[in-house]
Protein backbone atom coordinates (compact mmCIF):
# COMPACT_ATOMS: atom_id res chain seq x y z
CA MET A 1 -14.92 7.61 -20.64
CA LYS A 2 -13.66 4.68 -18.53
CA THR A 3 -11.06 4.02 -15.90
CA ILE A 4 -9.32 0.78 -14.79
CA LEU A 5 -7.35 0.73 -11.61
CA ILE A 6 -5.08 -2.24 -11.27
CA LEU A 7 -3.57 -2.69 -7.85
CA MET A 8 -1.18 -5.49 -7.16
CA ASP A 9 -0.41 -5.86 -3.55
CA THR A 10 3.33 -5.92 -2.27
CA LEU A 11 4.73 -5.11 -5.73
CA ASN A 12 8.46 -4.16 -5.47
CA ARG A 13 9.28 -1.74 -8.14
CA HIS A 14 13.19 -2.41 -7.96
CA MET A 15 12.43 -6.00 -9.27
CA LEU A 16 10.61 -4.79 -12.42
CA LYS A 17 12.73 -4.07 -15.56
CA THR A 18 10.65 -0.96 -16.20
CA TYR A 19 12.53 0.55 -13.27
CA ASN A 20 15.61 -1.58 -13.08
CA GLU A 21 17.02 -3.09 -16.29
CA ASN A 22 18.74 -5.79 -14.15
CA GLY A 23 15.36 -6.76 -12.48
CA GLU A 24 15.00 -10.61 -12.51
CA ALA A 25 11.34 -10.87 -12.49
CA ILE A 26 9.98 -12.04 -15.80
CA THR A 27 6.75 -9.91 -16.26
CA PRO A 28 6.16 -9.42 -20.06
CA ASN A 29 2.58 -8.06 -19.49
CA ILE A 30 3.61 -5.53 -16.81
CA ASP A 31 6.30 -4.55 -19.28
CA ARG A 32 3.69 -4.23 -22.14
CA LEU A 33 1.52 -2.02 -20.14
CA ALA A 34 4.31 0.18 -18.98
CA LYS A 35 5.27 0.85 -22.78
CA LYS A 36 1.67 2.05 -23.37
CA SER A 37 1.79 4.28 -20.38
CA VAL A 38 3.46 7.28 -18.45
CA VAL A 39 5.83 5.81 -16.05
CA PHE A 40 6.24 7.71 -12.68
CA GLU A 41 9.63 7.66 -11.13
CA ASN A 42 8.96 9.16 -7.67
CA HIS A 43 5.74 7.59 -6.69
CA PHE A 44 5.35 7.00 -2.90
CA ILE A 45 2.90 5.30 -0.43
CA GLY A 46 1.02 7.49 2.06
CA SER A 47 -0.26 5.20 4.81
CA ALA A 48 0.67 1.64 5.13
CA PRO A 49 0.19 -1.32 5.31
CA CYS A 50 -2.81 -2.79 3.42
CA MET A 51 -5.99 -1.33 4.90
CA PRO A 52 -4.52 2.12 5.72
CA ALA A 53 -3.24 2.26 2.13
CA ARG A 54 -6.76 1.61 0.72
CA ARG A 55 -8.35 4.22 2.91
CA ASP A 56 -5.81 6.56 1.61
CA ILE A 57 -6.77 5.52 -1.92
CA LEU A 58 -10.52 5.91 -1.48
CA THR A 59 -10.55 9.10 0.46
CA GLY A 60 -7.49 11.05 -0.98
CA ARG A 61 -6.29 11.63 2.65
CA VAL A 62 -3.28 10.41 4.63
CA ASN A 63 -4.66 8.67 7.61
CA PHE A 64 -1.72 7.06 9.28
CA LEU A 65 -1.29 10.06 11.65
CA GLU A 66 -4.75 9.50 13.13
CA ARG A 67 -5.28 5.76 13.34
CA GLY A 68 -3.82 2.39 12.24
CA TRP A 69 -5.39 -0.48 10.36
CA GLY A 70 -9.17 0.01 10.15
CA PRO A 71 -12.37 0.22 8.04
CA ILE A 72 -13.81 3.04 5.96
CA GLU A 73 -15.35 5.37 8.68
CA PRO A 74 -18.71 6.79 8.45
CA MET A 75 -17.25 10.28 8.24
CA ASP A 76 -15.09 9.39 5.22
CA VAL A 77 -15.92 10.63 1.70
CA THR A 78 -14.82 8.12 -0.91
CA PHE A 79 -14.52 8.57 -4.58
CA PRO A 80 -16.58 5.50 -5.62
CA ARG A 81 -19.52 7.04 -3.83
CA ILE A 82 -18.88 10.35 -5.58
CA LEU A 83 -18.81 8.55 -9.00
CA ARG A 84 -22.16 6.87 -8.23
CA GLN A 85 -23.65 10.18 -7.44
CA ASN A 86 -22.31 11.42 -10.83
CA GLY A 87 -23.66 8.56 -12.93
CA ILE A 88 -20.43 6.57 -13.09
CA PHE A 89 -20.76 2.74 -12.34
CA SER A 90 -18.01 1.34 -10.19
CA HIS A 91 -17.09 -2.34 -9.70
CA ILE A 92 -14.29 -4.05 -7.79
CA VAL A 93 -13.00 -7.49 -8.12
CA THR A 94 -10.39 -8.65 -5.69
CA ASP A 95 -8.83 -11.54 -3.87
CA HIS A 96 -7.51 -9.24 -1.09
CA CYS A 97 -8.85 -11.32 1.85
CA HIS A 98 -8.46 -8.54 4.38
CA TYR A 99 -11.63 -6.81 3.02
CA ALA A 100 -13.68 -9.69 4.40
CA GLU A 101 -12.11 -9.74 7.83
CA LEU A 102 -12.47 -7.58 10.93
CA GLY A 103 -10.86 -4.21 10.12
CA GLY A 104 -11.82 -4.31 6.48
CA GLU A 105 -15.45 -3.16 6.78
CA GLY A 106 -16.94 -0.78 4.41
CA TYR A 107 -14.54 -0.73 1.52
CA MET A 108 -16.22 -2.88 -1.04
CA GLN A 109 -19.61 -1.46 -0.10
CA CYS A 110 -18.57 1.95 -1.63
CA TYR A 111 -18.70 0.46 -5.18
CA ASN A 112 -21.94 -0.19 -7.09
CA THR A 113 -20.96 -3.91 -7.26
CA TRP A 114 -18.14 -6.07 -5.89
CA ASP A 115 -16.77 -9.59 -6.37
CA MET A 116 -14.64 -11.30 -3.83
CA ILE A 117 -12.40 -14.20 -4.79
CA ARG A 118 -11.63 -16.36 -1.74
CA GLY A 119 -8.62 -18.43 -0.70
CA GLN A 120 -5.55 -15.97 0.04
CA GLU A 121 -3.30 -15.93 3.02
CA THR A 122 -5.45 -15.84 6.26
CA ASP A 123 -8.84 -16.18 4.50
CA VAL A 124 -10.79 -18.93 6.33
CA TRP A 125 -12.14 -20.47 3.06
CA ALA A 126 -11.37 -24.08 2.65
CA SER A 127 -13.03 -25.70 5.73
CA SER A 128 -11.28 -28.66 7.25
CA VAL A 129 -11.76 -29.99 10.69
CA LYS A 130 -8.67 -32.18 10.31
CA GLU A 131 -5.46 -30.55 10.44
CA PRO A 132 -3.83 -29.81 6.94
CA THR A 133 -0.48 -31.12 5.82
CA TYR A 134 2.52 -29.01 6.94
CA PRO A 135 6.04 -29.12 5.66
CA GLU A 136 8.45 -31.05 7.91
CA HIS A 137 11.05 -28.40 7.85
CA TYR A 138 10.51 -24.74 6.97
CA ILE A 139 11.83 -21.31 7.43
CA GLY A 140 9.51 -18.24 8.38
CA ARG A 141 5.84 -18.91 8.74
CA VAL A 142 3.31 -21.60 7.67
CA GLY A 143 -0.30 -20.76 8.25
CA ARG A 144 -3.14 -23.21 8.96
CA GLU A 145 -5.72 -21.37 6.83
CA TYR A 146 -3.48 -21.20 3.79
CA GLN A 147 -2.36 -24.87 4.06
CA CYS A 148 -6.08 -25.58 3.86
CA ASN A 149 -6.69 -23.28 0.95
CA ARG A 150 -3.74 -24.49 -1.08
CA SER A 151 -5.12 -27.92 -1.12
CA ARG A 152 -7.75 -26.72 -3.60
CA PHE A 153 -5.16 -25.32 -6.03
CA GLU A 154 -4.13 -27.65 -8.92
CA THR A 155 -3.52 -25.45 -11.96
CA ASP A 156 -2.67 -21.80 -12.00
CA ALA A 157 -6.33 -21.10 -12.96
CA ASP A 158 -7.38 -22.31 -9.52
CA TYR A 159 -5.33 -19.74 -7.54
CA PRO A 160 -7.21 -16.59 -6.28
CA THR A 161 -5.19 -14.00 -8.22
CA PRO A 162 -5.50 -15.70 -11.65
CA LYS A 163 -9.25 -16.08 -10.80
CA THR A 164 -9.33 -12.30 -9.88
CA PHE A 165 -7.96 -11.27 -13.34
CA ALA A 166 -10.22 -13.78 -15.00
CA ALA A 167 -13.23 -12.45 -13.33
CA ALA A 168 -12.32 -8.91 -14.28
CA THR A 169 -11.77 -10.10 -17.90
CA LYS A 170 -15.21 -11.59 -17.93
CA TRP A 171 -16.69 -8.43 -16.41
CA LEU A 172 -15.32 -6.54 -19.36
CA GLN A 173 -16.67 -9.03 -21.83
CA GLU A 174 -20.14 -8.84 -20.22
CA ASN A 175 -20.06 -5.09 -20.31
CA ARG A 176 -18.72 -4.68 -23.86
CA GLY A 177 -19.74 -1.41 -25.28
CA ALA A 178 -20.52 0.08 -21.87
CA ASP A 179 -19.36 3.69 -21.00
CA ASN A 180 -18.82 5.74 -17.81
CA PHE A 181 -17.52 2.98 -15.67
CA PHE A 182 -14.67 2.55 -13.11
CA LEU A 183 -13.22 -0.99 -12.68
CA GLN A 184 -10.85 -1.77 -9.88
CA VAL A 185 -8.87 -4.93 -10.37
CA GLU A 186 -7.06 -5.78 -7.18
CA SER A 187 -4.88 -8.77 -6.77
CA PHE A 188 -3.34 -9.95 -3.55
CA ASP A 189 -0.35 -11.48 -5.27
CA PRO A 190 2.49 -11.16 -5.10
CA HIS A 191 1.84 -10.72 -1.33
CA GLU A 192 3.19 -13.49 0.87
CA PRO A 193 2.77 -16.48 1.12
CA PHE A 194 4.75 -16.60 -2.12
CA ASP A 195 3.05 -19.50 -3.81
CA ALA A 196 2.77 -20.54 -7.45
CA THR A 197 2.63 -23.67 -9.63
CA GLU A 198 5.75 -25.65 -10.59
CA GLU A 199 5.55 -24.10 -14.19
CA PHE A 200 6.32 -20.65 -12.69
CA LYS A 201 8.83 -21.88 -10.02
CA ALA A 202 10.79 -23.56 -12.85
CA MET A 203 11.40 -20.15 -14.26
CA TYR A 204 13.72 -19.32 -11.23
CA PRO A 205 15.54 -22.50 -10.44
CA ASP A 206 17.77 -23.00 -7.43
CA ASP A 207 19.03 -25.87 -5.29
CA PHE A 208 17.48 -24.71 -2.02
CA GLU A 209 15.23 -27.38 -0.54
CA THR A 210 13.89 -26.20 2.68
CA PHE A 211 10.32 -24.90 2.45
CA TYR A 212 10.46 -20.96 2.58
CA GLU A 213 7.74 -18.86 1.10
CA TRP A 214 6.42 -16.80 3.98
CA PRO A 215 9.02 -14.53 5.59
CA ARG A 216 9.20 -13.41 9.07
CA TYR A 217 8.75 -9.74 9.83
CA ASP A 218 12.07 -9.36 11.50
CA ASN A 219 15.75 -8.96 11.19
CA LEU A 220 17.50 -11.88 9.50
CA GLY A 221 17.93 -15.06 11.45
CA LYS A 222 20.85 -17.47 11.33
CA ASP A 223 18.76 -19.77 8.95
CA GLU A 224 18.08 -17.00 6.40
CA THR A 225 21.37 -17.49 4.57
CA PRO A 226 22.23 -15.86 1.28
CA GLU A 227 20.93 -19.12 -0.47
CA ALA A 228 17.74 -18.99 1.62
CA LEU A 229 17.07 -15.43 0.69
CA GLU A 230 17.80 -16.17 -3.03
CA HIS A 231 15.16 -18.95 -2.90
CA LEU A 232 12.68 -16.59 -1.20
CA ARG A 233 13.03 -14.00 -3.92
CA HIS A 234 12.67 -16.79 -6.42
CA MET A 235 9.34 -17.70 -4.86
CA TYR A 236 8.30 -14.10 -5.01
CA TYR A 237 9.20 -13.78 -8.65
CA ALA A 238 7.36 -17.02 -9.43
CA THR A 239 4.19 -15.63 -7.72
CA LEU A 240 4.50 -12.37 -9.56
CA SER A 241 5.08 -14.13 -12.96
CA MET A 242 2.02 -16.29 -12.39
CA ALA A 243 0.03 -13.08 -11.69
CA ASP A 244 1.51 -11.38 -14.73
CA LYS A 245 0.34 -14.19 -17.06
CA TRP A 246 -3.26 -13.45 -15.98
CA LEU A 247 -2.87 -9.82 -16.20
CA GLY A 248 -2.02 -10.45 -19.70
CA LYS A 249 -5.50 -11.83 -20.29
CA LEU A 250 -7.17 -8.67 -19.15
CA LEU A 251 -4.90 -6.70 -21.36
CA ASP A 252 -5.82 -9.01 -24.36
CA GLU A 253 -9.49 -8.22 -23.67
CA MET A 254 -8.66 -4.54 -23.72
CA ASP A 255 -7.03 -5.04 -27.07
CA ALA A 256 -10.06 -6.98 -28.34
CA GLN A 257 -12.45 -4.18 -27.49
CA ASN A 258 -9.96 -1.33 -28.33
CA LEU A 259 -10.48 0.05 -24.83
CA TRP A 260 -7.21 1.87 -25.01
CA GLU A 261 -8.86 4.60 -27.05
CA ASP A 262 -11.08 5.94 -24.35
CA THR A 263 -9.79 4.33 -21.13
CA MET A 264 -7.45 5.53 -18.35
CA VAL A 265 -5.53 2.72 -16.82
CA ILE A 266 -3.74 3.18 -13.49
CA PHE A 267 -1.30 0.50 -12.40
CA THR A 268 0.33 0.65 -8.94
CA SER A 269 0.63 -1.09 -5.58
CA ASP A 270 -0.10 -0.41 -1.91
CA HIS A 271 3.62 -0.96 -0.68
CA GLY A 272 6.74 -3.08 -1.25
CA HIS A 273 8.30 -5.67 1.00
CA MET A 274 11.82 -6.39 2.26
CA LEU A 275 13.32 -9.64 1.00
CA GLY A 276 16.69 -9.35 2.65
CA GLU A 277 17.41 -5.73 2.07
CA HIS A 278 18.62 -3.73 5.16
CA ASN A 279 19.03 -7.07 6.91
CA ALA A 280 15.26 -7.58 7.17
CA THR A 281 12.26 -9.39 5.71
CA GLY A 282 8.71 -8.23 5.77
CA LYS A 283 7.49 -4.67 6.56
CA ASN A 284 5.72 -2.66 9.35
CA ARG A 285 8.50 -2.90 11.92
CA PHE A 286 11.28 -1.15 10.29
CA HIS A 287 12.18 2.33 8.85
CA ALA A 288 10.15 3.10 5.71
CA TRP A 289 12.89 2.20 3.21
CA ASN A 290 12.42 2.81 -0.39
CA GLU A 291 12.02 -0.76 -1.10
CA MET A 292 8.63 -0.49 0.81
CA SER A 293 7.75 3.09 0.15
CA ASN A 294 8.83 4.10 -3.40
CA ILE A 295 6.30 2.02 -5.46
CA PRO A 296 5.46 1.55 -9.14
CA LEU A 297 3.03 3.68 -11.04
CA PHE A 298 2.11 3.59 -14.70
CA VAL A 299 -0.77 5.72 -16.07
CA HIS A 300 -2.13 4.87 -19.56
CA LEU A 301 -4.04 7.71 -21.05
CA PRO A 302 -6.68 7.27 -23.81
CA GLY A 303 -5.22 6.90 -27.28
CA ASP A 304 -1.76 6.13 -25.80
CA ALA A 305 -1.12 9.81 -25.20
CA TYR A 306 2.31 10.50 -23.89
CA ALA A 307 3.08 6.80 -23.88
CA GLY A 308 6.75 6.04 -22.95
CA GLU A 309 7.31 9.30 -21.20
CA ARG A 310 8.65 9.31 -17.56
CA VAL A 311 7.56 11.76 -14.82
CA ARG A 312 9.98 12.67 -12.01
CA ALA A 313 7.40 14.67 -10.04
CA LEU A 314 6.48 13.49 -6.59
CA THR A 315 3.21 11.56 -6.46
CA GLN A 316 1.40 9.42 -3.96
CA ASN A 317 -1.54 7.04 -3.90
CA ILE A 318 -3.76 9.77 -2.20
CA ASP A 319 -3.68 11.27 -5.70
CA ILE A 320 -5.72 8.47 -7.14
CA MET A 321 -9.03 9.95 -5.97
CA PRO A 322 -8.69 13.54 -7.32
CA THR A 323 -7.04 12.23 -10.64
CA VAL A 324 -10.10 9.88 -11.25
CA LEU A 325 -12.54 12.55 -10.61
CA ASP A 326 -10.65 14.99 -12.74
CA PHE A 327 -10.63 12.48 -15.55
CA PHE A 328 -14.26 12.08 -15.41
CA GLY A 329 -14.86 15.90 -15.29
CA ILE A 330 -16.42 15.69 -11.96
CA LYS A 331 -16.49 19.02 -9.90
CA THR A 332 -16.68 18.56 -6.15
CA ASP A 333 -15.43 20.03 -3.06
CA LEU A 334 -11.94 18.62 -2.41
CA SER A 335 -10.88 21.04 0.28
CA LYS A 336 -10.41 18.23 2.72
CA VAL A 337 -8.45 16.08 0.34
CA HIS A 338 -4.62 15.79 0.61
CA GLY A 339 -4.18 14.33 -2.87
CA LYS A 340 -3.50 16.21 -6.09
CA SER A 341 -4.69 15.35 -9.62
CA TRP A 342 -1.99 14.14 -11.90
CA MET A 343 -3.71 15.78 -14.98
CA PRO A 344 -1.48 18.95 -14.81
CA LEU A 345 1.62 16.65 -14.94
CA PHE A 346 0.32 15.20 -18.33
CA GLU A 347 -0.10 18.78 -19.57
CA GLY A 348 3.39 19.93 -18.74
CA ALA A 349 3.42 20.84 -15.06
CA LYS A 350 6.72 20.00 -13.46
CA SER A 351 5.30 19.28 -9.96
CA ILE A 352 2.15 19.09 -7.83
CA ARG A 353 3.76 18.96 -4.51
CA GLU A 354 7.15 19.68 -2.88
CA TYR A 355 7.14 16.91 -0.43
CA ALA A 356 5.63 13.45 0.11
CA ILE A 357 4.82 12.33 3.77
CA TYR A 358 4.33 8.62 4.53
CA GLY A 359 4.55 5.92 7.17
CA TRP A 360 2.87 3.56 9.49
CA PHE A 361 0.73 4.48 12.53
CA GLY A 362 2.81 5.01 15.76
CA LYS A 363 5.99 4.64 13.93
CA PRO A 364 8.49 7.14 12.52
CA VAL A 365 7.04 9.75 10.23
CA ASN A 366 8.84 9.99 6.99
CA ILE A 367 9.22 12.78 4.41
CA THR A 368 10.99 12.97 0.95
CA ASP A 369 11.51 15.77 -1.61
CA GLY A 370 12.79 13.32 -4.09
CA ARG A 371 16.32 14.00 -3.33
CA TYR A 372 16.48 13.50 0.33
CA THR A 373 14.58 11.05 2.66
CA TYR A 374 14.17 11.97 6.40
CA PHE A 375 12.96 9.28 8.97
CA ARG A 376 11.86 11.17 12.11
CA ALA A 377 11.89 8.78 14.98
CA PRO A 378 9.96 9.01 18.31
CA ALA A 379 11.53 11.43 20.75
CA SER A 380 11.53 8.97 23.54
CA ARG A 381 11.49 5.19 24.01
CA ASP A 382 7.96 5.16 25.42
CA ASN A 383 6.73 6.58 22.04
CA THR A 384 4.09 8.88 23.68
CA PRO A 385 1.80 10.62 23.41
CA LEU A 386 -0.01 8.46 20.94
CA TYR A 387 -3.78 8.65 20.37
CA GLN A 388 -5.83 6.60 17.92
CA TYR A 389 -9.01 8.38 16.44
CA TYR A 390 -11.93 6.39 15.03
CA GLN A 391 -15.60 6.01 14.80
CA MET A 392 -15.59 2.23 13.96
CA PRO A 393 -13.86 0.37 16.83
CA VAL A 394 -12.19 -2.41 14.74
CA THR A 395 -8.63 -3.04 13.83
CA PHE A 396 -6.66 -5.85 12.10
CA GLN A 397 -8.77 -9.04 13.08
CA GLY A 398 -9.77 -7.56 16.23
CA TYR A 399 -11.40 -4.54 18.25
CA LEU A 400 -10.14 -1.35 19.63
CA GLY A 401 -10.70 -0.44 23.30
CA LYS A 402 -12.36 -3.77 24.04
CA ASN A 403 -12.08 -5.39 27.46
CA LEU A 404 -10.57 -2.30 29.15
CA ALA A 405 -10.24 -2.59 32.88
CA ASP A 406 -12.16 -0.21 35.08
CA GLU A 407 -9.03 1.80 35.71
CA GLU A 408 -8.21 1.92 32.03
CA LYS A 409 -11.60 3.28 30.80
CA LYS A 410 -10.55 6.77 31.28
CA TYR A 411 -8.12 6.29 28.32
CA LEU A 412 -11.07 5.97 25.88
CA THR A 413 -13.15 9.06 25.38
CA ALA A 414 -15.19 10.68 22.71
CA GLY A 415 -15.37 14.22 21.32
CA LYS A 416 -14.86 16.47 18.30
CA TYR A 417 -11.11 15.81 18.41
CA LEU A 418 -10.27 16.08 14.67
CA SER A 419 -9.70 19.53 13.04
CA TRP A 420 -10.96 18.40 9.66
CA THR A 421 -14.42 17.13 10.65
CA ASP A 422 -17.15 18.21 13.13
CA GLU A 423 -18.15 14.57 13.67
CA LEU A 424 -17.74 12.88 17.05
CA VAL A 425 -14.87 10.39 17.15
CA TYR A 426 -13.52 8.03 19.78
CA ARG A 427 -9.93 8.78 21.03
CA LEU A 428 -7.95 5.93 22.40
CA ASP A 429 -4.74 6.67 24.40
CA GLN A 430 -2.65 4.05 22.70
CA GLY A 431 0.53 5.35 24.35
CA THR A 432 -0.57 4.81 27.89
CA LEU A 433 -2.19 1.41 27.23
CA THR A 434 0.32 -1.39 27.18
CA LEU A 435 -2.03 -3.18 24.59
CA GLY A 436 -1.79 -0.33 22.14
CA LYS A 437 1.99 0.44 22.04
CA PRO A 438 3.77 -0.43 18.88
CA LYS A 439 5.92 -2.97 20.80
CA ASP A 440 6.97 -4.64 17.57
CA MET A 441 9.03 -1.73 16.37
CA ALA A 442 12.61 -2.61 15.48
CA GLU A 443 15.47 -1.04 17.17
CA GLU A 444 16.51 0.88 14.13
CA ALA A 445 13.11 2.73 14.14
CA TYR A 446 13.99 4.59 17.22
CA GLU A 447 16.83 6.47 15.37
CA THR A 448 16.18 9.54 13.24
CA ARG A 449 17.98 9.15 9.86
CA LEU A 450 18.63 11.22 6.78
CA PHE A 451 19.66 9.95 3.41
CA ASP A 452 20.70 11.46 0.13
CA LEU A 453 19.14 9.41 -2.73
CA ILE A 454 21.55 10.84 -5.37
CA THR A 455 24.70 9.61 -3.67
CA ASP A 456 23.13 6.81 -1.68
CA PRO A 457 20.08 5.43 -3.53
CA GLN A 458 20.16 2.19 -1.44
CA GLN A 459 19.89 4.23 1.90
CA ASN A 460 22.84 2.39 3.45
CA HIS A 461 24.84 5.50 4.73
CA PRO A 462 23.07 7.92 6.99
CA LEU A 463 23.79 11.55 6.01
CA GLN A 464 25.28 13.90 8.65
CA ASP A 465 24.31 17.39 7.41
CA SER A 466 22.65 19.64 9.92
CA GLU A 467 21.64 22.25 7.31
CA VAL A 468 19.70 19.62 5.14
CA GLU A 469 18.32 17.89 8.21
CA ASP A 470 17.00 21.32 9.61
CA ARG A 471 15.29 21.86 6.19
CA MET A 472 13.70 18.54 6.01
CA LYS A 473 12.58 18.78 9.67
CA GLN A 474 10.98 22.13 8.82
CA ALA A 475 9.27 20.76 5.80
CA LEU A 476 8.03 17.83 7.90
CA ILE A 477 6.40 20.09 10.34
CA GLN A 478 4.85 22.17 7.68
CA THR A 479 3.57 19.21 5.73
CA MET A 480 2.23 17.56 8.85
CA LYS A 481 0.23 20.80 9.45
CA GLU A 482 -1.17 20.82 5.92
CA HIS A 483 -2.23 17.19 6.62
CA ASP A 484 -4.36 18.06 9.69
CA THR A 485 -2.03 16.13 11.92
CA PRO A 486 -3.23 16.06 15.63
CA LEU A 487 -0.79 18.01 17.80
CA GLU A 488 0.42 15.06 19.98
CA GLN A 489 1.93 13.50 16.96
CA LEU A 490 4.40 16.34 16.86
CA GLU A 491 5.14 16.05 20.54
CA ARG A 492 5.76 12.35 19.99
CA LEU A 493 8.31 13.16 17.50
CA GLY A 494 9.89 16.05 19.51
CA LEU A 495 8.51 18.63 17.23
CA SER A 496 6.18 21.60 17.31
CA PHE A 497 4.18 23.83 14.93
CA ILE A 498 6.02 26.83 16.40
CA GLU A 499 9.28 25.62 15.04
CA ILE A 500 8.21 26.45 11.35
CA GLY A 501 10.64 28.88 10.07
CA LYS A 502 12.79 28.88 13.22
CA GLU A 503 16.28 27.48 13.70
CA SER A 504 16.45 23.90 14.58
CA LYS A 505 16.61 23.04 18.36
């Protein structure tokens, strides 16, 4: 038995023809894989963005209610390590540069072996003392590191994501005939900056001439005209189409080895990206709109079992861990895991959960039942209380609790603060410290909102229905309890566990 997990960062499902017949992205190989797979309609993120999403995947636990961006913690139990203990070999090949930066420690080391492809986004790979060439006029961002890196790319084969799929293909070739393995193929594309060769840009022509491939994480500015946004989406499509070509080479190797007969293939993303929807570009700062939260998922089962079927049950990326272990027949204690195996869904079960809970640390906490989405905003503008719990004091390209003034040291303590583990953790009062407040939260994210996805699938018209809102609020409280949520998170949202089953305030 074998499993291949294909994770494409920032993959917007509404741009794929599998989910939207009017989708503009040309992705014949993603379409090809979808036809051989079970397609999931209501698959959601848990924690976001990049590293929180990956911690969810490896541990089967939603972690955004406890901390933000960070490493695999010493207290974490990850499924690659469980696979290794049970004789299943695991390998990851990726160009996701954040694994190699501060805040990405410990992930790749969970696998038996790993292969890191260099050159994406902020990866300090191409070393140049001299300043690189910058465009004279541009919209959004231009990064020094990537300007250095892109000088090394001539053909599409030189780009990191194509090299990632090529390396995974080579790994399959070198391990032809092997059994009992888990292969994770993780591409950074189509994550920004959206960059591809002219061959793929020509697939999406327009007349816009200003350099624009790396959007701001903000509401639209005056220079982000409809023509500019169309061009930005074209750049996204070109990057995705280039990745799709090289995904096809991996699928070709699966054809050559007839791996479809005994291999489960999981294809998904970590989150989506705003490209003009809801008057915004980027992610992180806004409400967790479905463009970012409702992500693609295909699962190919050995022998093309159930190929072409579509599943409407609510699923999340925290389900990958128990599903993989279930597929390999590994029995282990999953009492602390929030995810649920998808295997019952293939065997006829209608659902494995009533609600999916998701979001970003320190931002609104969101829940859906597949019909309604409820964005619960902080109860006050100061967004407190807010604590971050961790054993490894690192975050995105930096350190947590570093350089605290003497009067601030009282805000960093250690103890057995988490209900699901007896291990000591640090607790940092992020709400009190100015350095820790989510000061980059958009104005909209301070407003609680409810949407009906049947009548308003684009989430453009907030629903005013006190009965539905009370039911979703009660479900949110109960689901947060089931997910071992620290009590202060409910206080931050103006909620309490004692409200379960009671009339709304």
